[in-house]
Amino acid sequence: MDHASDTKRNKRLEHKKKVETADANVKVEIPTANVRMEVKFNYFTYEEFDQPGIPGSGKEKMDTNLIMILDNMRHRSQLAYKINSGFRTEAYNEKIGGVKNSSHIKGKAVDIAAPDSKTKFSIIESALHFGIQRIGVGTNFIHIDIDDIDKAAKVCWTY
């Protein structure tokens, strides 16, 4: 073994040894589930998912995994997505006529503007490609959500 590889090996072993013999009194803080990391998306900002009148609600309440899926969908479809609705409070959801157990309330749903059939098809095709299993088709929007743990999966409906 040459000197350079021997040195690298020793450094790896030293690091391992340090980890194994770490001081038991040292406390490491691990972020809790309530801590939100700032994620940078290619095509979206958290503000696009805010409930009207509640700035920051998109960042605080939206499921980051859903926005990452939307980012990939947007890239695949090569269409600009306008988010009609993201996060909603229960009161706002009721006011606009949303269903009682709406996935928007959990930050797990969005409505994407889809003014024509080609746009609808492109959004749906991208959603299916990225594993979305709950899709609603409205007159001028597509609803997608990732709430398939609490609700039925592999469903499509119309409004």
N, C-alpha and C. Protein backbone atom coordinates (compact mmCIF):
# COMPACT_ATOMS: atom_id res chain seq x y z
N MET A 1 0.86 -1.17 0.00
CA MET A 1 0.00 0.00 0.00
C MET A 1 0.90 1.22 0.00
N ASP A 2 0.62 2.21 -0.86
CA ASP A 2 1.47 3.41 -0.89
C ASP A 2 1.10 4.35 0.26
N HIS A 3 1.95 5.35 0.48
CA HIS A 3 1.80 6.26 1.61
C HIS A 3 0.48 7.06 1.55
N ALA A 4 0.11 7.51 0.36
CA ALA A 4 -1.12 8.32 0.21
C ALA A 4 -2.36 7.49 0.58
N SER A 5 -2.45 6.24 0.11
CA SER A 5 -3.61 5.43 0.45
C SER A 5 -3.61 5.07 1.92
N ASP A 6 -2.44 4.85 2.49
CA ASP A 6 -2.34 4.53 3.90
C ASP A 6 -2.83 5.70 4.76
N THR A 7 -2.48 6.92 4.35
CA THR A 7 -2.90 8.12 5.07
C THR A 7 -4.42 8.27 5.00
N LYS A 8 -5.01 8.07 3.83
CA LYS A 8 -6.46 8.16 3.68
C LYS A 8 -7.16 7.13 4.56
N ARG A 9 -6.63 5.90 4.55
CA ARG A 9 -7.21 4.84 5.35
C ARG A 9 -7.17 5.21 6.83
N ASN A 10 -6.05 5.72 7.30
CA ASN A 10 -5.92 6.11 8.71
C ASN A 10 -6.89 7.21 9.08
N LYS A 11 -7.10 8.17 8.18
CA LYS A 11 -8.05 9.26 8.46
C LYS A 11 -9.47 8.72 8.58
N ARG A 12 -9.83 7.76 7.70
CA ARG A 12 -11.15 7.15 7.80
C ARG A 12 -11.31 6.43 9.13
N LEU A 13 -10.29 5.69 9.52
CA LEU A 13 -10.35 4.96 10.78
C LEU A 13 -10.40 5.91 11.97
N GLU A 14 -9.61 7.01 11.90
CA GLU A 14 -9.63 8.00 12.98
C GLU A 14 -11.02 8.59 13.12
N HIS A 15 -11.65 8.92 11.99
CA HIS A 15 -13.00 9.49 12.02
C HIS A 15 -13.97 8.50 12.65
N LYS A 16 -13.84 7.24 12.25
CA LYS A 16 -14.72 6.22 12.80
C LYS A 16 -14.49 6.08 14.30
N LYS A 17 -13.22 6.10 14.70
CA LYS A 17 -12.89 5.97 16.11
C LYS A 17 -13.46 7.14 16.92
N LYS A 18 -13.35 8.34 16.36
CA LYS A 18 -13.89 9.52 17.05
C LYS A 18 -15.39 9.39 17.25
N VAL A 19 -16.08 8.89 16.26
CA VAL A 19 -17.53 8.73 16.37
C VAL A 19 -17.85 7.70 17.44
N GLU A 20 -17.12 6.60 17.43
CA GLU A 20 -17.40 5.52 18.38
C GLU A 20 -17.06 5.90 19.82
N THR A 21 -16.08 6.79 20.03
CA THR A 21 -15.67 7.15 21.38
C THR A 21 -16.13 8.56 21.74
N ALA A 22 -17.19 9.04 21.10
CA ALA A 22 -17.68 10.39 21.36
C ALA A 22 -18.08 10.54 22.84
N ASP A 23 -17.89 11.73 23.36
CA ASP A 23 -18.23 12.04 24.75
C ASP A 23 -19.74 11.90 24.96
N ALA A 24 -20.14 11.11 25.91
CA ALA A 24 -21.56 10.87 26.18
C ALA A 24 -22.27 12.12 26.69
N ASN A 25 -21.54 13.12 27.16
CA ASN A 25 -22.16 14.34 27.67
C ASN A 25 -22.45 15.36 26.57
N VAL A 26 -21.94 15.11 25.37
CA VAL A 26 -22.19 16.02 24.26
C VAL A 26 -23.61 15.82 23.77
N LYS A 27 -24.36 16.92 23.68
CA LYS A 27 -25.75 16.83 23.22
C LYS A 27 -25.83 17.35 21.79
N VAL A 28 -26.50 16.59 20.96
CA VAL A 28 -26.71 16.97 19.57
C VAL A 28 -28.17 17.33 19.41
N GLU A 29 -28.43 18.51 18.86
CA GLU A 29 -29.81 18.92 18.64
C GLU A 29 -30.26 18.47 17.26
N ILE A 30 -31.35 17.75 17.24
CA ILE A 30 -31.93 17.28 15.99
C ILE A 30 -33.23 18.04 15.76
N PRO A 31 -33.40 18.63 14.57
CA PRO A 31 -34.63 19.38 14.32
C PRO A 31 -35.86 18.50 14.50
N THR A 32 -36.91 19.09 15.05
CA THR A 32 -38.16 18.35 15.22
C THR A 32 -38.96 18.42 13.93
N ALA A 33 -40.06 17.71 13.89
CA ALA A 33 -40.92 17.68 12.69
C ALA A 33 -41.52 19.05 12.40
N ASN A 34 -41.56 19.93 13.40
CA ASN A 34 -42.15 21.25 13.20
C ASN A 34 -41.21 22.22 12.49
N VAL A 35 -39.95 21.87 12.37
CA VAL A 35 -38.97 22.74 11.72
C VAL A 35 -39.08 22.55 10.21
N ARG A 36 -39.18 23.65 9.48
CA ARG A 36 -39.27 23.60 8.03
C ARG A 36 -37.96 24.03 7.41
N MET A 37 -37.42 23.21 6.55
CA MET A 37 -36.23 23.60 5.81
C MET A 37 -36.67 24.42 4.61
N GLU A 38 -35.88 25.39 4.27
CA GLU A 38 -36.16 26.20 3.09
C GLU A 38 -35.75 25.39 1.87
N VAL A 39 -36.71 25.07 1.02
CA VAL A 39 -36.44 24.33 -0.20
C VAL A 39 -36.60 25.28 -1.37
N LYS A 40 -35.66 25.23 -2.27
CA LYS A 40 -35.74 26.06 -3.49
C LYS A 40 -36.28 25.20 -4.61
N PHE A 41 -37.35 25.67 -5.22
CA PHE A 41 -37.96 24.95 -6.32
C PHE A 41 -37.56 25.62 -7.62
N ASN A 42 -37.62 24.89 -8.71
CA ASN A 42 -37.27 25.45 -10.02
C ASN A 42 -38.37 26.35 -10.57
N TYR A 43 -39.62 26.00 -10.32
CA TYR A 43 -40.73 26.69 -10.98
C TYR A 43 -41.73 27.33 -10.03
N PHE A 44 -41.62 27.09 -8.74
CA PHE A 44 -42.62 27.58 -7.80
C PHE A 44 -41.99 28.31 -6.63
N THR A 45 -42.81 29.13 -5.99
CA THR A 45 -42.45 29.73 -4.71
C THR A 45 -43.54 29.31 -3.72
N TYR A 46 -43.20 29.28 -2.46
CA TYR A 46 -44.20 28.91 -1.45
C TYR A 46 -45.41 29.84 -1.48
N GLU A 47 -45.19 31.11 -1.83
CA GLU A 47 -46.28 32.09 -1.83
C GLU A 47 -47.40 31.71 -2.78
N GLU A 48 -47.10 30.98 -3.83
CA GLU A 48 -48.13 30.57 -4.78
C GLU A 48 -49.15 29.63 -4.14
N PHE A 49 -48.81 29.06 -3.00
CA PHE A 49 -49.67 28.09 -2.33
C PHE A 49 -50.36 28.68 -1.09
N ASP A 50 -50.12 30.00 -0.85
CA ASP A 50 -50.75 30.68 0.29
C ASP A 50 -52.26 30.76 0.11
N GLN A 51 -52.97 30.64 1.22
CA GLN A 51 -54.39 30.96 1.20
C GLN A 51 -54.50 32.48 1.07
N PRO A 52 -55.45 32.98 0.28
CA PRO A 52 -55.62 34.44 0.19
C PRO A 52 -55.81 35.04 1.58
N GLY A 53 -55.04 36.10 1.85
CA GLY A 53 -55.15 36.80 3.12
C GLY A 53 -54.29 36.22 4.24
N ILE A 54 -53.59 35.11 3.98
CA ILE A 54 -52.71 34.54 5.00
C ILE A 54 -51.32 34.33 4.41
N PRO A 55 -50.54 35.41 4.35
CA PRO A 55 -49.17 35.28 3.82
C PRO A 55 -48.36 34.28 4.65
N GLY A 56 -47.58 33.47 3.96
CA GLY A 56 -46.74 32.49 4.63
C GLY A 56 -47.41 31.16 4.89
N SER A 57 -48.71 31.06 4.62
CA SER A 57 -49.41 29.81 4.91
C SER A 57 -48.96 28.68 3.99
N GLY A 58 -48.56 29.01 2.78
CA GLY A 58 -48.06 27.98 1.87
C GLY A 58 -46.77 27.36 2.39
N LYS A 59 -45.87 28.20 2.84
CA LYS A 59 -44.59 27.71 3.36
C LYS A 59 -44.79 26.92 4.65
N GLU A 60 -45.67 27.41 5.48
CA GLU A 60 -45.89 26.77 6.79
C GLU A 60 -46.70 25.48 6.69
N LYS A 61 -47.66 25.43 5.77
CA LYS A 61 -48.64 24.33 5.79
C LYS A 61 -48.57 23.35 4.62
N MET A 62 -48.01 23.77 3.48
CA MET A 62 -48.00 22.87 2.32
C MET A 62 -46.98 21.75 2.49
N ASP A 63 -47.34 20.58 2.01
CA ASP A 63 -46.45 19.43 2.01
C ASP A 63 -45.36 19.66 0.95
N THR A 64 -44.12 19.74 1.39
CA THR A 64 -43.00 20.02 0.49
C THR A 64 -42.87 18.94 -0.57
N ASN A 65 -43.17 17.70 -0.23
CA ASN A 65 -43.10 16.62 -1.22
C ASN A 65 -44.06 16.87 -2.38
N LEU A 66 -45.24 17.39 -2.08
CA LEU A 66 -46.20 17.69 -3.15
C LEU A 66 -45.64 18.77 -4.06
N ILE A 67 -45.04 19.80 -3.50
CA ILE A 67 -44.50 20.89 -4.34
C ILE A 67 -43.33 20.37 -5.18
N MET A 68 -42.53 19.48 -4.63
CA MET A 68 -41.44 18.89 -5.40
C MET A 68 -41.98 18.06 -6.57
N ILE A 69 -43.06 17.33 -6.32
CA ILE A 69 -43.70 16.57 -7.41
C ILE A 69 -44.22 17.54 -8.47
N LEU A 70 -44.88 18.61 -8.03
CA LEU A 70 -45.38 19.62 -8.97
C LEU A 70 -44.25 20.23 -9.80
N ASP A 71 -43.11 20.47 -9.16
CA ASP A 71 -41.95 21.03 -9.85
C ASP A 71 -41.52 20.07 -10.97
N ASN A 72 -41.48 18.78 -10.66
CA ASN A 72 -41.11 17.78 -11.68
C ASN A 72 -42.18 17.68 -12.77
N MET A 73 -43.44 17.75 -12.37
CA MET A 73 -44.53 17.72 -13.35
C MET A 73 -44.43 18.89 -14.30
N ARG A 74 -44.18 20.05 -13.74
CA ARG A 74 -44.08 21.28 -14.54
C ARG A 74 -42.94 21.16 -15.56
N HIS A 75 -41.82 20.61 -15.11
CA HIS A 75 -40.68 20.43 -16.01
C HIS A 75 -41.03 19.45 -17.14
N ARG A 76 -41.66 18.36 -16.79
CA ARG A 76 -42.02 17.34 -17.77
C ARG A 76 -43.01 17.88 -18.81
N SER A 77 -44.03 18.57 -18.34
CA SER A 77 -45.08 19.03 -19.25
C SER A 77 -44.67 20.27 -20.06
N GLN A 78 -43.65 20.97 -19.59
CA GLN A 78 -43.20 22.20 -20.27
C GLN A 78 -44.32 23.24 -20.39
N LEU A 79 -45.22 23.24 -19.39
CA LEU A 79 -46.28 24.24 -19.32
C LEU A 79 -46.09 25.05 -18.05
N ALA A 80 -46.45 26.31 -18.10
CA ALA A 80 -46.47 27.10 -16.86
C ALA A 80 -47.71 26.72 -16.08
N TYR A 81 -47.55 26.38 -14.81
CA TYR A 81 -48.68 26.02 -13.97
C TYR A 81 -49.08 27.21 -13.12
N LYS A 82 -50.37 27.54 -13.16
CA LYS A 82 -50.91 28.56 -12.27
C LYS A 82 -51.67 27.82 -11.18
N ILE A 83 -51.25 28.04 -9.95
CA ILE A 83 -51.91 27.39 -8.82
C ILE A 83 -53.14 28.22 -8.44
N ASN A 84 -54.32 27.65 -8.64
CA ASN A 84 -55.56 28.34 -8.26
C ASN A 84 -55.79 28.26 -6.76
N SER A 85 -55.42 27.13 -6.16
CA SER A 85 -55.67 26.93 -4.74
C SER A 85 -54.65 25.94 -4.19
N GLY A 86 -54.06 26.31 -3.06
CA GLY A 86 -53.14 25.43 -2.35
C GLY A 86 -53.70 25.17 -0.97
N PHE A 87 -52.99 25.69 0.05
CA PHE A 87 -53.46 25.50 1.42
C PHE A 87 -54.75 26.28 1.66
N ARG A 88 -55.64 25.70 2.48
CA ARG A 88 -56.87 26.36 2.91
C ARG A 88 -57.11 26.07 4.40
N THR A 89 -57.60 27.06 5.12
CA THR A 89 -58.08 26.79 6.47
C THR A 89 -59.45 26.14 6.34
N GLU A 90 -59.92 25.53 7.40
CA GLU A 90 -61.25 24.91 7.37
C GLU A 90 -62.31 25.96 7.08
N ALA A 91 -62.19 27.14 7.71
CA ALA A 91 -63.18 28.20 7.51
C ALA A 91 -63.21 28.67 6.05
N TYR A 92 -62.04 28.89 5.47
CA TYR A 92 -61.98 29.34 4.08
C TYR A 92 -62.49 28.24 3.14
N ASN A 93 -62.12 27.01 3.42
CA ASN A 93 -62.57 25.89 2.61
C ASN A 93 -64.10 25.82 2.60
N GLU A 94 -64.70 25.99 3.76
CA GLU A 94 -66.17 25.98 3.86
C GLU A 94 -66.76 27.16 3.10
N LYS A 95 -66.15 28.33 3.25
CA LYS A 95 -66.64 29.55 2.60
C LYS A 95 -66.69 29.41 1.08
N ILE A 96 -65.68 28.74 0.50
CA ILE A 96 -65.65 28.63 -0.97
C ILE A 96 -66.33 27.35 -1.48
N GLY A 97 -66.94 26.59 -0.56
CA GLY A 97 -67.69 25.41 -0.97
C GLY A 97 -66.87 24.15 -1.13
N GLY A 98 -65.69 24.09 -0.50
CA GLY A 98 -64.87 22.88 -0.55
C GLY A 98 -65.48 21.76 0.26
N VAL A 99 -65.10 20.53 -0.02
CA VAL A 99 -65.62 19.39 0.72
C VAL A 99 -65.10 19.42 2.15
N LYS A 100 -65.86 18.83 3.05
CA LYS A 100 -65.56 18.89 4.48
C LYS A 100 -64.16 18.38 4.84
N ASN A 101 -63.75 17.25 4.31
CA ASN A 101 -62.46 16.66 4.66
C ASN A 101 -61.42 16.94 3.56
N SER A 102 -61.39 18.15 3.04
CA SER A 102 -60.52 18.50 1.92
C SER A 102 -59.04 18.30 2.24
N SER A 103 -58.33 17.76 1.28
CA SER A 103 -56.88 17.59 1.42
C SER A 103 -56.16 18.93 1.38
N HIS A 104 -56.82 19.97 0.89
CA HIS A 104 -56.23 21.32 0.91
C HIS A 104 -55.97 21.76 2.36
N ILE A 105 -56.82 21.37 3.28
CA ILE A 105 -56.69 21.75 4.68
C ILE A 105 -55.42 21.17 5.29
N LYS A 106 -54.99 20.01 4.79
CA LYS A 106 -53.77 19.36 5.26
C LYS A 106 -52.53 19.82 4.49
N GLY A 107 -52.72 20.66 3.46
CA GLY A 107 -51.59 21.08 2.64
C GLY A 107 -51.13 20.00 1.69
N LYS A 108 -52.02 19.07 1.38
CA LYS A 108 -51.66 17.94 0.53
C LYS A 108 -52.38 17.97 -0.82
N ALA A 109 -52.93 19.13 -1.20
CA ALA A 109 -53.67 19.21 -2.46
C ALA A 109 -53.48 20.58 -3.10
N VAL A 110 -53.59 20.57 -4.42
CA VAL A 110 -53.58 21.82 -5.19
C VAL A 110 -54.58 21.72 -6.32
N ASP A 111 -55.06 22.88 -6.74
CA ASP A 111 -55.85 23.00 -7.96
C ASP A 111 -55.00 23.80 -8.94
N ILE A 112 -54.78 23.23 -10.12
CA ILE A 112 -53.95 23.85 -11.15
C ILE A 112 -54.86 24.33 -12.27
N ALA A 113 -54.71 25.58 -12.68
CA ALA A 113 -55.52 26.11 -13.78
C ALA A 113 -55.29 25.28 -15.04
N ALA A 114 -56.40 24.92 -15.69
CA ALA A 114 -56.33 24.12 -16.92
C ALA A 114 -57.48 24.57 -17.82
N PRO A 115 -57.24 25.62 -18.60
CA PRO A 115 -58.33 26.22 -19.38
C PRO A 115 -58.79 25.43 -20.59
N ASP A 116 -58.01 24.43 -21.03
CA ASP A 116 -58.40 23.68 -22.22
C ASP A 116 -58.02 22.21 -22.07
N SER A 117 -58.52 21.39 -22.99
CA SER A 117 -58.34 19.94 -22.87
C SER A 117 -56.88 19.52 -23.03
N LYS A 118 -56.11 20.20 -23.87
CA LYS A 118 -54.70 19.85 -24.04
C LYS A 118 -53.92 20.10 -22.75
N THR A 119 -54.22 21.20 -22.08
CA THR A 119 -53.56 21.50 -20.81
C THR A 119 -53.96 20.46 -19.77
N LYS A 120 -55.25 20.13 -19.71
CA LYS A 120 -55.72 19.11 -18.77
C LYS A 120 -54.98 17.79 -19.00
N PHE A 121 -54.91 17.37 -20.25
CA PHE A 121 -54.26 16.10 -20.57
C PHE A 121 -52.79 16.13 -20.15
N SER A 122 -52.09 17.21 -20.45
CA SER A 122 -50.67 17.31 -20.12
C SER A 122 -50.44 17.25 -18.60
N ILE A 123 -51.27 17.95 -17.84
CA ILE A 123 -51.14 17.93 -16.37
C ILE A 123 -51.42 16.53 -15.84
N ILE A 124 -52.49 15.90 -16.33
CA ILE A 124 -52.85 14.56 -15.87
C ILE A 124 -51.76 13.55 -16.24
N GLU A 125 -51.25 13.64 -17.45
CA GLU A 125 -50.19 12.72 -17.89
C GLU A 125 -48.97 12.86 -16.98
N SER A 126 -48.57 14.09 -16.68
CA SER A 126 -47.42 14.33 -15.80
C SER A 126 -47.70 13.84 -14.39
N ALA A 127 -48.91 14.08 -13.90
CA ALA A 127 -49.28 13.63 -12.55
C ALA A 127 -49.17 12.11 -12.44
N LEU A 128 -49.70 11.41 -13.41
CA LEU A 128 -49.64 9.95 -13.40
C LEU A 128 -48.19 9.47 -13.49
N HIS A 129 -47.41 10.12 -14.32
CA HIS A 129 -46.00 9.76 -14.48
C HIS A 129 -45.25 9.82 -13.14
N PHE A 130 -45.58 10.82 -12.33
CA PHE A 130 -44.89 11.00 -11.05
C PHE A 130 -45.64 10.37 -9.87
N GLY A 131 -46.57 9.47 -10.18
CA GLY A 131 -47.18 8.65 -9.13
C GLY A 131 -48.36 9.25 -8.40
N ILE A 132 -48.93 10.33 -8.91
CA ILE A 132 -50.13 10.90 -8.29
C ILE A 132 -51.28 9.92 -8.49
N GLN A 133 -51.98 9.60 -7.40
CA GLN A 133 -53.04 8.61 -7.47
C GLN A 133 -54.42 9.16 -7.14
N ARG A 134 -54.51 10.48 -6.99
CA ARG A 134 -55.81 11.12 -6.72
C ARG A 134 -55.91 12.37 -7.60
N ILE A 135 -56.80 12.33 -8.58
CA ILE A 135 -56.91 13.41 -9.56
C ILE A 135 -58.38 13.78 -9.74
N GLY A 136 -58.67 15.06 -9.62
CA GLY A 136 -60.01 15.57 -9.89
C GLY A 136 -59.97 16.47 -11.11
N VAL A 137 -60.96 16.37 -11.96
CA VAL A 137 -61.01 17.16 -13.19
C VAL A 137 -62.19 18.11 -13.12
N GLY A 138 -61.89 19.39 -13.08
CA GLY A 138 -62.92 20.42 -13.07
C GLY A 138 -63.05 21.06 -14.44
N THR A 139 -64.00 21.96 -14.57
CA THR A 139 -64.23 22.65 -15.84
C THR A 139 -62.98 23.39 -16.31
N ASN A 140 -62.30 24.07 -15.38
CA ASN A 140 -61.13 24.87 -15.76
C ASN A 140 -59.93 24.64 -14.83
N PHE A 141 -59.88 23.48 -14.20
CA PHE A 141 -58.74 23.17 -13.32
C PHE A 141 -58.59 21.66 -13.16
N ILE A 142 -57.40 21.28 -12.71
CA ILE A 142 -57.11 19.90 -12.32
C ILE A 142 -56.72 19.93 -10.85
N HIS A 143 -57.36 19.08 -10.06
CA HIS A 143 -57.03 18.92 -8.64
C HIS A 143 -56.13 17.70 -8.53
N ILE A 144 -55.01 17.85 -7.84
CA ILE A 144 -54.20 16.68 -7.51
C ILE A 144 -53.92 16.71 -6.02
N ASP A 145 -53.86 15.52 -5.43
CA ASP A 145 -53.47 15.47 -4.03
C ASP A 145 -52.69 14.20 -3.74
N ILE A 146 -51.98 14.25 -2.62
CA ILE A 146 -51.17 13.10 -2.20
C ILE A 146 -51.66 12.60 -0.85
N ASP A 147 -52.95 12.67 -0.66
CA ASP A 147 -53.57 12.29 0.61
C ASP A 147 -54.09 10.85 0.54
N ASP A 148 -53.34 9.97 -0.14
CA ASP A 148 -53.84 8.62 -0.35
C ASP A 148 -53.60 7.66 0.81
N ILE A 149 -53.08 8.14 1.92
CA ILE A 149 -53.00 7.31 3.11
C ILE A 149 -54.34 7.36 3.84
N ASP A 150 -54.91 8.57 3.94
CA ASP A 150 -56.20 8.75 4.61
C ASP A 150 -57.40 8.55 3.69
N LYS A 151 -57.16 8.59 2.40
CA LYS A 151 -58.25 8.51 1.43
C LYS A 151 -57.94 7.45 0.38
N ALA A 152 -58.96 7.11 -0.41
CA ALA A 152 -58.79 6.10 -1.46
C ALA A 152 -57.73 6.53 -2.47
N ALA A 153 -56.94 5.56 -2.90
CA ALA A 153 -55.91 5.81 -3.93
C ALA A 153 -56.43 5.31 -5.27
N LYS A 154 -55.71 5.70 -6.32
CA LYS A 154 -56.03 5.29 -7.69
C LYS A 154 -57.46 5.65 -8.06
N VAL A 155 -57.79 6.94 -7.82
CA VAL A 155 -59.13 7.44 -8.15
C VAL A 155 -59.04 8.72 -8.97
N CYS A 156 -60.05 8.89 -9.80
CA CYS A 156 -60.19 10.10 -10.59
C CYS A 156 -61.67 10.48 -10.54
N TRP A 157 -61.95 11.76 -10.43
CA TRP A 157 -63.33 12.20 -10.36
C TRP A 157 -63.50 13.52 -11.11
N THR A 158 -64.75 13.89 -11.34
CA THR A 158 -65.05 15.17 -11.99
C THR A 158 -65.83 16.03 -11.02
N TYR A 159 -65.80 17.32 -11.27
CA TYR A 159 -66.54 18.28 -10.46
C TYR A 159 -67.74 18.78 -11.25
